[in-house]
Each structure stands twice: as structure tokens, then as C-alpha cells.
Amino acid sequence: MSSPTKEVREGNKGGGAFSGVVAPLVLRHDDKQWQTTFLGEKKRSWFECSDWKRFVDDNNMAEGDDCIFERESSISLALYPCTTCKSPRPPPPQPSAPLEKKKIDAGIGPSTDF
């Protein structure tokens, strides 16, 4: 089985919302952290991450899983539970109860104009 993709889909923001952004990030949750760099281009964005496999393993991700990051402030991201979707992607299910959010602090480097 291959690792889940590092590509970032920009959701409702539309293509190019993060064009030109290069931001070093340290994702932290509890006692774990992962070094990464966010790279944004006009047509796609992704994480360059020497710790990608460890991130995938630590979060029990599998191919086809989505992991949604949402910037809550200039120094934090929220990690939502991973769910498996098939392509083409159906609309996300409407939960009957709010999704549990895991707060992840991100140490953001100098290029942080998201």
C-alpha cells in the first residue's frame, strides 16, 4: 500500500488561494511533532515533509483518507478526523453530532501570509 498523497486541496477557497506561499511548519499534537513546509502554487498546493511517513503512521492514515487542516490563527491549525472518500468525491456527510477536533499547534516560519 502506498502512503496517502501530500497534495493539499484548497476546498471552498478555490484554486490559487495559496499561490506563492512557502511556509515552514512544525505540526505538534501532544508529545508528537512533524517538520514540514507548505508549498502553494496556482494549480495545486502540498506539504513537503521529511516526516510524512511518520505523520501518516502516527495518525493511522491510509490511501484514500483525507486529512483536513484549517488555519484557526496565524499560529495554529486544526486537524479533523480522517475519512475515506472515493473519487469523484461525493459531498461530505452531514454529521448528526459535531466532529471532534484535534488541536495542532503549528510553529510557522517567516512566510505566513495565507
PDB file of N, CA and C in Angstrom:
ATOM      1  N   MET A   1       0.843  -1.177   0.000  1.00  0.00           N
ATOM      2  CA  MET A   1       0.000   0.000   0.000  1.00  0.00           C
ATOM      3  C   MET A   1       0.887   1.239   0.000  1.00  0.00           C
ATOM      4  N   SER A   2       0.550   2.208  -0.807  1.00  0.00           N
ATOM      5  CA  SER A   2       1.328   3.441  -0.835  1.00  0.00           C
ATOM      6  C   SER A   2       0.809   4.423   0.210  1.00  0.00           C
ATOM      7  N   SER A   3       1.647   5.390   0.541  1.00  0.00           N
ATOM      8  CA  SER A   3       1.257   6.405   1.518  1.00  0.00           C
ATOM      9  C   SER A   3       0.247   7.357   0.909  1.00  0.00           C
ATOM     10  N   PRO A   4      -0.624   7.940   1.734  1.00  0.00           N
ATOM     11  CA  PRO A   4      -1.542   8.956   1.232  1.00  0.00           C
ATOM     12  C   PRO A   4      -0.767  10.125   0.625  1.00  0.00           C
ATOM     13  N   THR A   5      -1.398  10.781  -0.320  1.00  0.00           N
ATOM     14  CA  THR A   5      -0.760  11.889  -1.021  1.00  0.00           C
ATOM     15  C   THR A   5      -0.473  13.064  -0.094  1.00  0.00           C
ATOM     16  N   LYS A   6       0.532  13.837  -0.459  1.00  0.00           N
ATOM     17  CA  LYS A   6       0.871  15.042   0.290  1.00  0.00           C
ATOM     18  C   LYS A   6       0.167  16.264  -0.292  1.00  0.00           C
ATOM     19  N   GLU A   7      -0.583  16.071  -1.377  1.00  0.00           N
ATOM     20  CA  GLU A   7      -1.204  17.210  -2.047  1.00  0.00           C
ATOM     21  C   GLU A   7      -2.327  17.790  -1.198  1.00  0.00           C
ATOM     22  N   VAL A   8      -2.471  19.101  -1.250  1.00  0.00           N
ATOM     23  CA  VAL A   8      -3.491  19.814  -0.490  1.00  0.00           C
ATOM     24  C   VAL A   8      -4.545  20.315  -1.455  1.00  0.00           C
ATOM     25  N   ARG A   9      -5.798  19.987  -1.179  1.00  0.00           N
ATOM     26  CA  ARG A   9      -6.903  20.551  -1.955  1.00  0.00           C
ATOM     27  C   ARG A   9      -7.407  21.748  -1.167  1.00  0.00           C
ATOM     28  N   GLU A  10      -7.680  22.841  -1.885  1.00  0.00           N
ATOM     29  CA  GLU A  10      -7.990  24.085  -1.200  1.00  0.00           C
ATOM     30  C   GLU A  10      -9.462  24.283  -0.894  1.00  0.00           C
ATOM     31  N   GLY A  11     -10.287  23.283  -1.142  1.00  0.00           N
ATOM     32  CA  GLY A  11     -11.689  23.349  -0.748  1.00  0.00           C
ATOM     33  C   GLY A  11     -12.412  24.555  -1.317  1.00  0.00           C
ATOM     34  N   ASN A  12     -13.175  25.217  -0.478  1.00  0.00           N
ATOM     35  CA  ASN A  12     -14.013  26.332  -0.909  1.00  0.00           C
ATOM     36  C   ASN A  12     -13.231  27.588  -1.261  1.00  0.00           C
ATOM     37  N   LYS A  13     -11.949  27.619  -0.973  1.00  0.00           N
ATOM     38  CA  LYS A  13     -11.147  28.808  -1.268  1.00  0.00           C
ATOM     39  C   LYS A  13     -10.895  28.946  -2.772  1.00  0.00           C
ATOM     40  N   GLY A  14     -10.983  27.858  -3.520  1.00  0.00           N
ATOM     41  CA  GLY A  14     -10.737  27.908  -4.951  1.00  0.00           C
ATOM     42  C   GLY A  14      -9.268  27.796  -5.273  1.00  0.00           C
ATOM     43  N   GLY A  15      -8.958  27.455  -6.514  1.00  0.00           N
ATOM     44  CA  GLY A  15      -7.577  27.282  -6.931  1.00  0.00           C
ATOM     45  C   GLY A  15      -6.766  28.552  -6.789  1.00  0.00           C
ATOM     46  N   GLY A  16      -5.543  28.391  -6.357  1.00  0.00           N
ATOM     47  CA  GLY A  16      -4.636  29.516  -6.273  1.00  0.00           C
ATOM     48  C   GLY A  16      -4.747  30.367  -5.027  1.00  0.00           C
ATOM     49  N   ALA A  17      -5.584  29.986  -4.072  1.00  0.00           N
ATOM     50  CA  ALA A  17      -5.735  30.793  -2.857  1.00  0.00           C
ATOM     51  C   ALA A  17      -4.423  30.915  -2.102  1.00  0.00           C
ATOM     52  N   PHE A  18      -3.553  29.901  -2.224  1.00  0.00           N
ATOM     53  CA  PHE A  18      -2.274  29.917  -1.520  1.00  0.00           C
ATOM     54  C   PHE A  18      -1.104  30.059  -2.492  1.00  0.00           C
ATOM     55  N   SER A  19      -1.365  30.555  -3.697  1.00  0.00           N
ATOM     56  CA  SER A  19      -0.332  30.671  -4.717  1.00  0.00           C
ATOM     57  C   SER A  19       0.837  31.511  -4.216  1.00  0.00           C
ATOM     58  N   GLY A  20       2.043  30.962  -4.363  1.00  0.00           N
ATOM     59  CA  GLY A  20       3.248  31.669  -3.967  1.00  0.00           C
ATOM     60  C   GLY A  20       3.625  31.537  -2.505  1.00  0.00           C
ATOM     61  N   VAL A  21       2.810  30.843  -1.718  1.00  0.00           N
ATOM     62  CA  VAL A  21       3.097  30.695  -0.289  1.00  0.00           C
ATOM     63  C   VAL A  21       4.105  29.573  -0.080  1.00  0.00           C
ATOM     64  N   VAL A  22       5.163  29.864   0.635  1.00  0.00           N
ATOM     65  CA  VAL A  22       6.116  28.861   1.100  1.00  0.00           C
ATOM     66  C   VAL A  22       6.253  29.113   2.595  1.00  0.00           C
ATOM     67  N   ALA A  23       5.760  28.169   3.405  1.00  0.00           N
ATOM     68  CA  ALA A  23       5.744  28.385   4.850  1.00  0.00           C
ATOM     69  C   ALA A  23       6.254  27.156   5.580  1.00  0.00           C
ATOM     70  N   PRO A  24       7.404  27.269   6.260  1.00  0.00           N
ATOM     71  CA  PRO A  24       7.853  26.153   7.085  1.00  0.00           C
ATOM     72  C   PRO A  24       6.915  25.998   8.279  1.00  0.00           C
ATOM     73  N   LEU A  25       6.540  24.759   8.562  1.00  0.00           N
ATOM     74  CA  LEU A  25       5.615  24.479   9.660  1.00  0.00           C
ATOM     75  C   LEU A  25       6.164  23.372  10.537  1.00  0.00           C
ATOM     76  N   VAL A  26       5.883  23.449  11.806  1.00  0.00           N
ATOM     77  CA  VAL A  26       6.092  22.333  12.717  1.00  0.00           C
ATOM     78  C   VAL A  26       4.721  22.014  13.278  1.00  0.00           C
ATOM     79  N   LEU A  27       4.157  20.875  12.870  1.00  0.00           N
ATOM     80  CA  LEU A  27       2.867  20.440  13.393  1.00  0.00           C
ATOM     81  C   LEU A  27       3.110  19.728  14.712  1.00  0.00           C
ATOM     82  N   ARG A  28       2.366  20.109  15.747  1.00  0.00           N
ATOM     83  CA  ARG A  28       2.535  19.491  17.063  1.00  0.00           C
ATOM     84  C   ARG A  28       1.189  19.046  17.597  1.00  0.00           C
ATOM     85  N   HIS A  29       1.161  17.866  18.197  1.00  0.00           N
ATOM     86  CA  HIS A  29      -0.028  17.376  18.895  1.00  0.00           C
ATOM     87  C   HIS A  29       0.448  16.508  20.042  1.00  0.00           C
ATOM     88  N   ASP A  30       0.061  16.862  21.257  1.00  0.00           N
ATOM     89  CA  ASP A  30       0.543  16.185  22.457  1.00  0.00           C
ATOM     90  C   ASP A  30       2.068  16.176  22.437  1.00  0.00           C
ATOM     91  N   ASP A  31       2.675  14.994  22.500  1.00  0.00           N
ATOM     92  CA  ASP A  31       4.139  14.913  22.532  1.00  0.00           C
ATOM     93  C   ASP A  31       4.740  14.637  21.157  1.00  0.00           C
ATOM     94  N   LYS A  32       3.934  14.715  20.094  1.00  0.00           N
ATOM     95  CA  LYS A  32       4.413  14.410  18.745  1.00  0.00           C
ATOM     96  C   LYS A  32       4.551  15.691  17.935  1.00  0.00           C
ATOM     97  N   GLN A  33       5.509  15.692  17.012  1.00  0.00           N
ATOM     98  CA  GLN A  33       5.633  16.812  16.082  1.00  0.00           C
ATOM     99  C   GLN A  33       6.188  16.317  14.758  1.00  0.00           C
ATOM    100  N   TRP A  34       5.849  17.055  13.701  1.00  0.00           N
ATOM    101  CA  TRP A  34       6.267  16.706  12.353  1.00  0.00           C
ATOM    102  C   TRP A  34       6.767  17.970  11.671  1.00  0.00           C
ATOM    103  N   GLN A  35       7.985  17.906  11.113  1.00  0.00           N
ATOM    104  CA  GLN A  35       8.572  19.027  10.378  1.00  0.00           C
ATOM    105  C   GLN A  35       8.017  19.001   8.956  1.00  0.00           C
ATOM    106  N   THR A  36       7.554  20.121   8.464  1.00  0.00           N
ATOM    107  CA  THR A  36       7.021  20.185   7.111  1.00  0.00           C
ATOM    108  C   THR A  36       7.172  21.596   6.548  1.00  0.00           C
ATOM    109  N   THR A  37       7.011  21.707   5.259  1.00  0.00           N
ATOM    110  CA  THR A  37       6.955  23.002   4.588  1.00  0.00           C
ATOM    111  C   THR A  37       5.731  22.988   3.689  1.00  0.00           C
ATOM    112  N   PHE A  38       4.904  24.004   3.792  1.00  0.00           N
ATOM    113  CA  PHE A  38       3.749  24.148   2.915  1.00  0.00           C
ATOM    114  C   PHE A  38       4.193  24.895   1.667  1.00  0.00           C
ATOM    115  N   LEU A  39       3.866  24.350   0.494  1.00  0.00           N
ATOM    116  CA  LEU A  39       4.217  24.964  -0.793  1.00  0.00           C
ATOM    117  C   LEU A  39       2.934  25.193  -1.590  1.00  0.00           C
ATOM    118  N   GLY A  40       2.663  26.424  -1.923  1.00  0.00           N
ATOM    119  CA  GLY A  40       1.457  26.738  -2.676  1.00  0.00           C
ATOM    120  C   GLY A  40       1.783  27.211  -4.075  1.00  0.00           C
ATOM    121  N   GLU A  41       1.098  26.647  -5.055  1.00  0.00           N
ATOM    122  CA  GLU A  41       1.207  27.082  -6.446  1.00  0.00           C
ATOM    123  C   GLU A  41      -0.191  27.389  -6.960  1.00  0.00           C
ATOM    124  N   LYS A  42      -0.265  27.970  -8.139  1.00  0.00           N
ATOM    125  CA  LYS A  42      -1.560  28.378  -8.681  1.00  0.00           C
ATOM    126  C   LYS A  42      -2.525  27.208  -8.847  1.00  0.00           C
ATOM    127  N   LYS A  43      -2.029  26.074  -9.339  1.00  0.00           N
ATOM    128  CA  LYS A  43      -2.924  24.948  -9.625  1.00  0.00           C
ATOM    129  C   LYS A  43      -2.972  23.890  -8.535  1.00  0.00           C
ATOM    130  N   ARG A  44      -2.005  23.884  -7.611  1.00  0.00           N
ATOM    131  CA  ARG A  44      -2.020  22.894  -6.539  1.00  0.00           C
ATOM    132  C   ARG A  44      -1.142  23.363  -5.393  1.00  0.00           C
ATOM    133  N   SER A  45      -1.359  22.780  -4.244  1.00  0.00           N
ATOM    134  CA  SER A  45      -0.546  23.052  -3.061  1.00  0.00           C
ATOM    135  C   SER A  45      -0.251  21.720  -2.393  1.00  0.00           C
ATOM    136  N   TRP A  46       0.844  21.652  -1.635  1.00  0.00           N
ATOM    137  CA  TRP A  46       1.191  20.406  -0.978  1.00  0.00           C
ATOM    138  C   TRP A  46       2.131  20.662   0.187  1.00  0.00           C
ATOM    139  N   PHE A  47       2.342  19.599   0.984  1.00  0.00           N
ATOM    140  CA  PHE A  47       3.309  19.622   2.067  1.00  0.00           C
ATOM    141  C   PHE A  47       4.559  18.877   1.625  1.00  0.00           C
ATOM    142  N   GLU A  48       5.728  19.504   1.740  1.00  0.00           N
ATOM    143  CA  GLU A  48       6.998  18.799   1.613  1.00  0.00           C
ATOM    144  C   GLU A  48       7.347  18.411   3.032  1.00  0.00           C
ATOM    145  N   CYS A  49       7.542  17.143   3.256  1.00  0.00           N
ATOM    146  CA  CYS A  49       7.636  16.714   4.640  1.00  0.00           C
ATOM    147  C   CYS A  49       8.575  15.533   4.768  1.00  0.00           C
ATOM    148  N   SER A  50       9.707  15.763   5.411  1.00  0.00           N
ATOM    149  CA  SER A  50      10.608  14.641   5.665  1.00  0.00           C
ATOM    150  C   SER A  50       9.971  13.666   6.648  1.00  0.00           C
ATOM    151  N   ASP A  51       9.009  14.133   7.419  1.00  0.00           N
ATOM    152  CA  ASP A  51       8.316  13.295   8.400  1.00  0.00           C
ATOM    153  C   ASP A  51       6.976  12.775   7.881  1.00  0.00           C
ATOM    154  N   TRP A  52       6.737  12.827   6.558  1.00  0.00           N
ATOM    155  CA  TRP A  52       5.414  12.464   6.035  1.00  0.00           C
ATOM    156  C   TRP A  52       4.999  11.051   6.439  1.00  0.00           C
ATOM    157  N   LYS A  53       5.875  10.057   6.262  1.00  0.00           N
ATOM    158  CA  LYS A  53       5.506   8.678   6.614  1.00  0.00           C
ATOM    159  C   LYS A  53       5.187   8.570   8.099  1.00  0.00           C
ATOM    160  N   ARG A  54       5.971   9.237   8.926  1.00  0.00           N
ATOM    161  CA  ARG A  54       5.712   9.204  10.370  1.00  0.00           C
ATOM    162  C   ARG A  54       4.373   9.879  10.692  1.00  0.00           C
ATOM    163  N   PHE A  55       4.083  10.998  10.019  1.00  0.00           N
ATOM    164  CA  PHE A  55       2.798  11.672  10.201  1.00  0.00           C
ATOM    165  C   PHE A  55       1.649  10.730   9.840  1.00  0.00           C
ATOM    166  N   VAL A  56       1.776  10.060   8.687  1.00  0.00           N
ATOM    167  CA  VAL A  56       0.759   9.111   8.229  1.00  0.00           C
ATOM    168  C   VAL A  56       0.576   7.991   9.250  1.00  0.00           C
ATOM    169  N   ASP A  57       1.675   7.392   9.700  1.00  0.00           N
ATOM    170  CA  ASP A  57       1.601   6.292  10.665  1.00  0.00           C
ATOM    171  C   ASP A  57       1.027   6.753  12.003  1.00  0.00           C
ATOM    172  N   ASP A  58       1.498   7.883  12.502  1.00  0.00           N
ATOM    173  CA  ASP A  58       1.045   8.384  13.802  1.00  0.00           C
ATOM    174  C   ASP A  58      -0.443   8.698  13.816  1.00  0.00           C
ATOM    175  N   ASN A  59      -1.002   9.041  12.658  1.00  0.00           N
ATOM    176  CA  ASN A  59      -2.413   9.400  12.576  1.00  0.00           C
ATOM    177  C   ASN A  59      -3.267   8.300  11.950  1.00  0.00           C
ATOM    178  N   ASN A  60      -2.687   7.089  11.828  1.00  0.00           N
ATOM    179  CA  ASN A  60      -3.413   5.918  11.306  1.00  0.00           C
ATOM    180  C   ASN A  60      -4.103   6.215   9.977  1.00  0.00           C
ATOM    181  N   MET A  61      -3.399   6.913   9.085  1.00  0.00           N
ATOM    182  CA  MET A  61      -3.968   7.239   7.784  1.00  0.00           C
ATOM    183  C   MET A  61      -3.679   6.123   6.787  1.00  0.00           C
ATOM    184  N   ALA A  62      -4.552   5.999   5.810  1.00  0.00           N
ATOM    185  CA  ALA A  62      -4.377   5.025   4.739  1.00  0.00           C
ATOM    186  C   ALA A  62      -4.670   5.714   3.415  1.00  0.00           C
ATOM    187  N   GLU A  63      -4.245   5.083   2.317  1.00  0.00           N
ATOM    188  CA  GLU A  63      -4.510   5.639   0.998  1.00  0.00           C
ATOM    189  C   GLU A  63      -6.008   5.859   0.837  1.00  0.00           C
ATOM    190  N   GLY A  64      -6.384   7.034   0.351  1.00  0.00           N
ATOM    191  CA  GLY A  64      -7.793   7.385   0.185  1.00  0.00           C
ATOM    192  C   GLY A  64      -8.337   8.225   1.325  1.00  0.00           C
ATOM    193  N   ASP A  65      -7.612   8.297   2.450  1.00  0.00           N
ATOM    194  CA  ASP A  65      -8.052   9.122   3.573  1.00  0.00           C
ATOM    195  C   ASP A  65      -7.803  10.592   3.265  1.00  0.00           C
ATOM    196  N   ASP A  66      -8.660  11.427   3.774  1.00  0.00           N
ATOM    197  CA  ASP A  66      -8.477  12.870   3.702  1.00  0.00           C
ATOM    198  C   ASP A  66      -8.187  13.382   5.101  1.00  0.00           C
ATOM    199  N   CYS A  67      -7.313  14.328   5.193  1.00  0.00           N
ATOM    200  CA  CYS A  67      -6.995  14.966   6.461  1.00  0.00           C
ATOM    201  C   CYS A  67      -7.173  16.458   6.230  1.00  0.00           C
ATOM    202  N   ILE A  68      -8.116  17.060   6.895  1.00  0.00           N
ATOM    203  CA  ILE A  68      -8.451  18.451   6.636  1.00  0.00           C
ATOM    204  C   ILE A  68      -7.778  19.343   7.672  1.00  0.00           C
ATOM    205  N   PHE A  69      -6.934  20.255   7.191  1.00  0.00           N
ATOM    206  CA  PHE A  69      -6.289  21.246   8.046  1.00  0.00           C
ATOM    207  C   PHE A  69      -6.999  22.571   7.831  1.00  0.00           C
ATOM    208  N   GLU A  70      -7.303  23.241   8.898  1.00  0.00           N
ATOM    209  CA  GLU A  70      -7.924  24.552   8.803  1.00  0.00           C
ATOM    210  C   GLU A  70      -7.135  25.518   9.669  1.00  0.00           C
ATOM    211  N   ARG A  71      -6.708  26.620   9.081  1.00  0.00           N
ATOM    212  CA  ARG A  71      -5.963  27.613   9.847  1.00  0.00           C
ATOM    213  C   ARG A  71      -6.934  28.327  10.763  1.00  0.00           C
ATOM    214  N   GLU A  72      -6.666  28.246  12.068  1.00  0.00           N
ATOM    215  CA  GLU A  72      -7.514  28.923  13.038  1.00  0.00           C
ATOM    216  C   GLU A  72      -6.953  30.283  13.418  1.00  0.00           C
ATOM    217  N   SER A  73      -5.646  30.425  13.366  1.00  0.00           N
ATOM    218  CA  SER A  73      -4.985  31.703  13.620  1.00  0.00           C
ATOM    219  C   SER A  73      -3.625  31.624  12.950  1.00  0.00           C
ATOM    220  N   SER A  74      -2.819  32.623  13.140  1.00  0.00           N
ATOM    221  CA  SER A  74      -1.517  32.607  12.483  1.00  0.00           C
ATOM    222  C   SER A  74      -0.589  31.557  13.064  1.00  0.00           C
ATOM    223  N   ILE A  75      -0.940  30.978  14.210  1.00  0.00           N
ATOM    224  CA  ILE A  75      -0.032  30.006  14.820  1.00  0.00           C
ATOM    225  C   ILE A  75      -0.679  28.666  15.143  1.00  0.00           C
ATOM    226  N   SER A  76      -1.872  28.391  14.625  1.00  0.00           N
ATOM    227  CA  SER A  76      -2.445  27.080  14.912  1.00  0.00           C
ATOM    228  C   SER A  76      -3.253  26.555  13.736  1.00  0.00           C
ATOM    229  N   LEU A  77      -3.318  25.247  13.639  1.00  0.00           N
ATOM    230  CA  LEU A  77      -4.125  24.553  12.646  1.00  0.00           C
ATOM    231  C   LEU A  77      -4.991  23.554  13.386  1.00  0.00           C
ATOM    232  N   ALA A  78      -6.138  23.228  12.839  1.00  0.00           N
ATOM    233  CA  ALA A  78      -6.967  22.173  13.403  1.00  0.00           C
ATOM    234  C   ALA A  78      -6.843  20.956  12.506  1.00  0.00           C
ATOM    235  N   LEU A  79      -6.712  19.784  13.107  1.00  0.00           N
ATOM    236  CA  LEU A  79      -6.668  18.529  12.366  1.00  0.00           C
ATOM    237  C   LEU A  79      -7.982  17.823  12.611  1.00  0.00           C
ATOM    238  N   TYR A  80      -8.749  17.630  11.553  1.00  0.00           N
ATOM    239  CA  TYR A  80     -10.025  16.951  11.670  1.00  0.00           C
ATOM    240  C   TYR A  80      -9.820  15.463  11.423  1.00  0.00           C
ATOM    241  N   PRO A  81     -10.696  14.630  11.964  1.00  0.00           N
ATOM    242  CA  PRO A  81     -10.544  13.185  11.757  1.00  0.00           C
ATOM    243  C   PRO A  81     -10.486  12.847  10.269  1.00  0.00           C
ATOM    244  N   CYS A  82      -9.691  11.855   9.932  1.00  0.00           N
ATOM    245  CA  CYS A  82      -9.545  11.422   8.545  1.00  0.00           C
ATOM    246  C   CYS A  82     -10.734  10.554   8.166  1.00  0.00           C
ATOM    247  N   THR A  83     -11.236  10.752   6.963  1.00  0.00           N
ATOM    248  CA  THR A  83     -12.324   9.925   6.464  1.00  0.00           C
ATOM    249  C   THR A  83     -11.959   9.447   5.070  1.00  0.00           C
ATOM    250  N   THR A  84     -12.439   8.292   4.695  1.00  0.00           N
ATOM    251  CA  THR A  84     -12.141   7.735   3.386  1.00  0.00           C
ATOM    252  C   THR A  84     -13.183   8.206   2.388  1.00  0.00           C
ATOM    253  N   CYS A  85     -12.720   8.717   1.268  1.00  0.00           N
ATOM    254  CA  CYS A  85     -13.605   9.169   0.191  1.00  0.00           C
ATOM    255  C   CYS A  85     -13.154   8.517  -1.108  1.00  0.00           C
ATOM    256  N   LYS A  86     -14.050   8.311  -1.995  1.00  0.00           N
ATOM    257  CA  LYS A  86     -13.746   7.775  -3.316  1.00  0.00           C
ATOM    258  C   LYS A  86     -13.833   8.914  -4.323  1.00  0.00           C
ATOM    259  N   SER A  87     -13.087   8.825  -5.418  1.00  0.00           N
ATOM    260  CA  SER A  87     -13.173   9.832  -6.467  1.00  0.00           C
ATOM    261  C   SER A  87     -14.167   9.353  -7.513  1.00  0.00           C
ATOM    262  N   PRO A  88     -14.982  10.207  -8.123  1.00  0.00           N
ATOM    263  CA  PRO A  88     -15.135  11.607  -7.756  1.00  0.00           C
ATOM    264  C   PRO A  88     -15.734  11.726  -6.361  1.00  0.00           C
ATOM    265  N   ARG A  89     -15.357  12.761  -5.679  1.00  0.00           N
ATOM    266  CA  ARG A  89     -15.730  12.910  -4.281  1.00  0.00           C
ATOM    267  C   ARG A  89     -17.203  13.284  -4.132  1.00  0.00           C
ATOM    268  N   PRO A  90     -17.909  12.487  -3.341  1.00  0.00           N
ATOM    269  CA  PRO A  90     -19.291  12.858  -3.028  1.00  0.00           C
ATOM    270  C   PRO A  90     -19.274  14.008  -2.025  1.00  0.00           C
ATOM    271  N   PRO A  91     -20.390  14.707  -1.853  1.00  0.00           N
ATOM    272  CA  PRO A  91     -20.407  15.744  -0.828  1.00  0.00           C
ATOM    273  C   PRO A  91     -20.149  15.111   0.534  1.00  0.00           C
ATOM    274  N   PRO A  92     -19.490  15.831   1.453  1.00  0.00           N
ATOM    275  CA  PRO A  92     -19.208  15.248   2.757  1.00  0.00           C
ATOM    276  C   PRO A  92     -20.496  14.957   3.513  1.00  0.00           C
ATOM    277  N   PRO A  93     -20.511  13.873   4.297  1.00  0.00           N
ATOM    278  CA  PRO A  93     -21.715  13.556   5.061  1.00  0.00           C
ATOM    279  C   PRO A  93     -21.965  14.630   6.110  1.00  0.00           C
ATOM    280  N   GLN A  94     -23.212  14.861   6.396  1.00  0.00           N
ATOM    281  CA  GLN A  94     -23.578  15.817   7.432  1.00  0.00           C
ATOM    282  C   GLN A  94     -23.675  15.067   8.754  1.00  0.00           C
ATOM    283  N   PRO A  95     -22.739  15.305   9.677  1.00  0.00           N
ATOM    284  CA  PRO A  95     -22.760  14.568  10.941  1.00  0.00           C
ATOM    285  C   PRO A  95     -23.946  14.982  11.797  1.00  0.00           C
ATOM    286  N   SER A  96     -24.473  14.013  12.545  1.00  0.00           N
ATOM    287  CA  SER A  96     -25.570  14.320  13.453  1.00  0.00           C
ATOM    288  C   SER A  96     -25.047  15.008  14.701  1.00  0.00           C
ATOM    289  N   ALA A  97     -23.776  14.766  15.016  1.00  0.00           N
ATOM    290  CA  ALA A  97     -23.135  15.429  16.151  1.00  0.00           C
ATOM    291  C   ALA A  97     -21.889  16.126  15.620  1.00  0.00           C
ATOM    292  N   PRO A  98     -21.450  17.193  16.284  1.00  0.00           N
ATOM    293  CA  PRO A  98     -20.239  17.879  15.811  1.00  0.00           C
ATOM    294  C   PRO A  98     -19.048  16.937  15.773  1.00  0.00           C
ATOM    295  N   LEU A  99     -18.186  17.123  14.756  1.00  0.00           N
ATOM    296  CA  LEU A  99     -16.961  16.339  14.666  1.00  0.00           C
ATOM    297  C   LEU A  99     -16.021  16.726  15.790  1.00  0.00           C
ATOM    298  N   GLU A 100     -15.322  15.744  16.305  1.00  0.00           N
ATOM    299  CA  GLU A 100     -14.301  16.022  17.314  1.00  0.00           C
ATOM    300  C   GLU A 100     -13.098  16.614  16.597  1.00  0.00           C
ATOM    301  N   LYS A 101     -12.612  17.741  17.092  1.00  0.00           N
ATOM    302  CA  LYS A 101     -11.438  18.366  16.504  1.00  0.00           C
ATOM    303  C   LYS A 101     -10.238  18.094  17.389  1.00  0.00           C
ATOM    304  N   LYS A 102      -9.092  17.803  16.753  1.00  0.00           N
ATOM    305  CA  LYS A 102      -7.830  17.688  17.469  1.00  0.00           C
ATOM    306  C   LYS A 102      -7.060  18.959  17.185  1.00  0.00           C
ATOM    307  N   LYS A 103      -6.712  19.696  18.196  1.00  0.00           N
ATOM    308  CA  LYS A 103      -5.972  20.941  18.013  1.00  0.00           C
ATOM    309  C   LYS A 103      -4.501  20.625  17.815  1.00  0.00           C
ATOM    310  N   ILE A 104      -3.912  21.184  16.774  1.00  0.00           N
ATOM    311  CA  ILE A 104      -2.492  21.011  16.497  1.00  0.00           C
ATOM    312  C   ILE A 104      -1.885  22.401  16.411  1.00  0.00           C
ATOM    313  N   ASP A 105      -0.878  22.661  17.222  1.00  0.00           N
ATOM    314  CA  ASP A 105      -0.176  23.934  17.152  1.00  0.00           C
ATOM    315  C   ASP A 105       0.856  23.840  16.040  1.00  0.00           C
ATOM    316  N   ALA A 106       0.974  24.884  15.269  1.00  0.00           N
ATOM    317  CA  ALA A 106       1.936  24.902  14.168  1.00  0.00           C
ATOM    318  C   ALA A 106       2.881  26.069  14.371  1.00  0.00           C
ATOM    319  N   GLY A 107       4.160  25.773  14.502  1.00  0.00           N
ATOM    320  CA  GLY A 107       5.164  26.833  14.547  1.00  0.00           C
ATOM    321  C   GLY A 107       5.407  27.281  13.125  1.00  0.00           C
ATOM    322  N   ILE A 108       4.964  28.460  12.783  1.00  0.00           N
ATOM    323  CA  ILE A 108       5.006  28.918  11.402  1.00  0.00           C
ATOM    324  C   ILE A 108       6.196  29.838  11.204  1.00  0.00           C
ATOM    325  N   GLY A 109       6.930  29.595  10.132  1.00  0.00           N
ATOM    326  CA  GLY A 109       8.112  30.386   9.814  1.00  0.00           C
ATOM    327  C   GLY A 109       7.752  31.752   9.264  1.00  0.00           C
ATOM    328  N   PRO A 110       8.716  32.417   8.650  1.00  0.00           N
ATOM    329  CA  PRO A 110       8.545  33.808   8.249  1.00  0.00           C
ATOM    330  C   PRO A 110       7.522  34.069   7.152  1.00  0.00           C
ATOM    331  N   SER A 111       7.243  33.120   6.265  1.00  0.00           N
ATOM    332  CA  SER A 111       6.300  33.358   5.168  1.00  0.00           C
ATOM    333  C   SER A 111       4.942  32.817   5.555  1.00  0.00           C
ATOM    334  N   THR A 112       4.121  33.629   6.196  1.00  0.00           N
ATOM    335  CA  THR A 112       2.866  33.120   6.743  1.00  0.00           C
ATOM    336  C   THR A 112       1.638  33.852   6.237  1.00  0.00           C
ATOM    337  N   ASP A 113       1.702  34.560   5.132  1.00  0.00           N
ATOM    338  CA  ASP A 113       0.543  35.275   4.622  1.00  0.00           C
ATOM    339  C   ASP A 113      -0.373  34.327   3.877  1.00  0.00           C
ATOM    340  N   PHE A 114      -1.183  33.571   4.606  1.00  0.00           N
ATOM    341  CA  PHE A 114      -2.142  32.661   3.980  1.00  0.00           C
ATOM    342  C   PHE A 114      -3.344  33.460   3.556  1.00  0.00           C
TER     343      PHE A 114
END
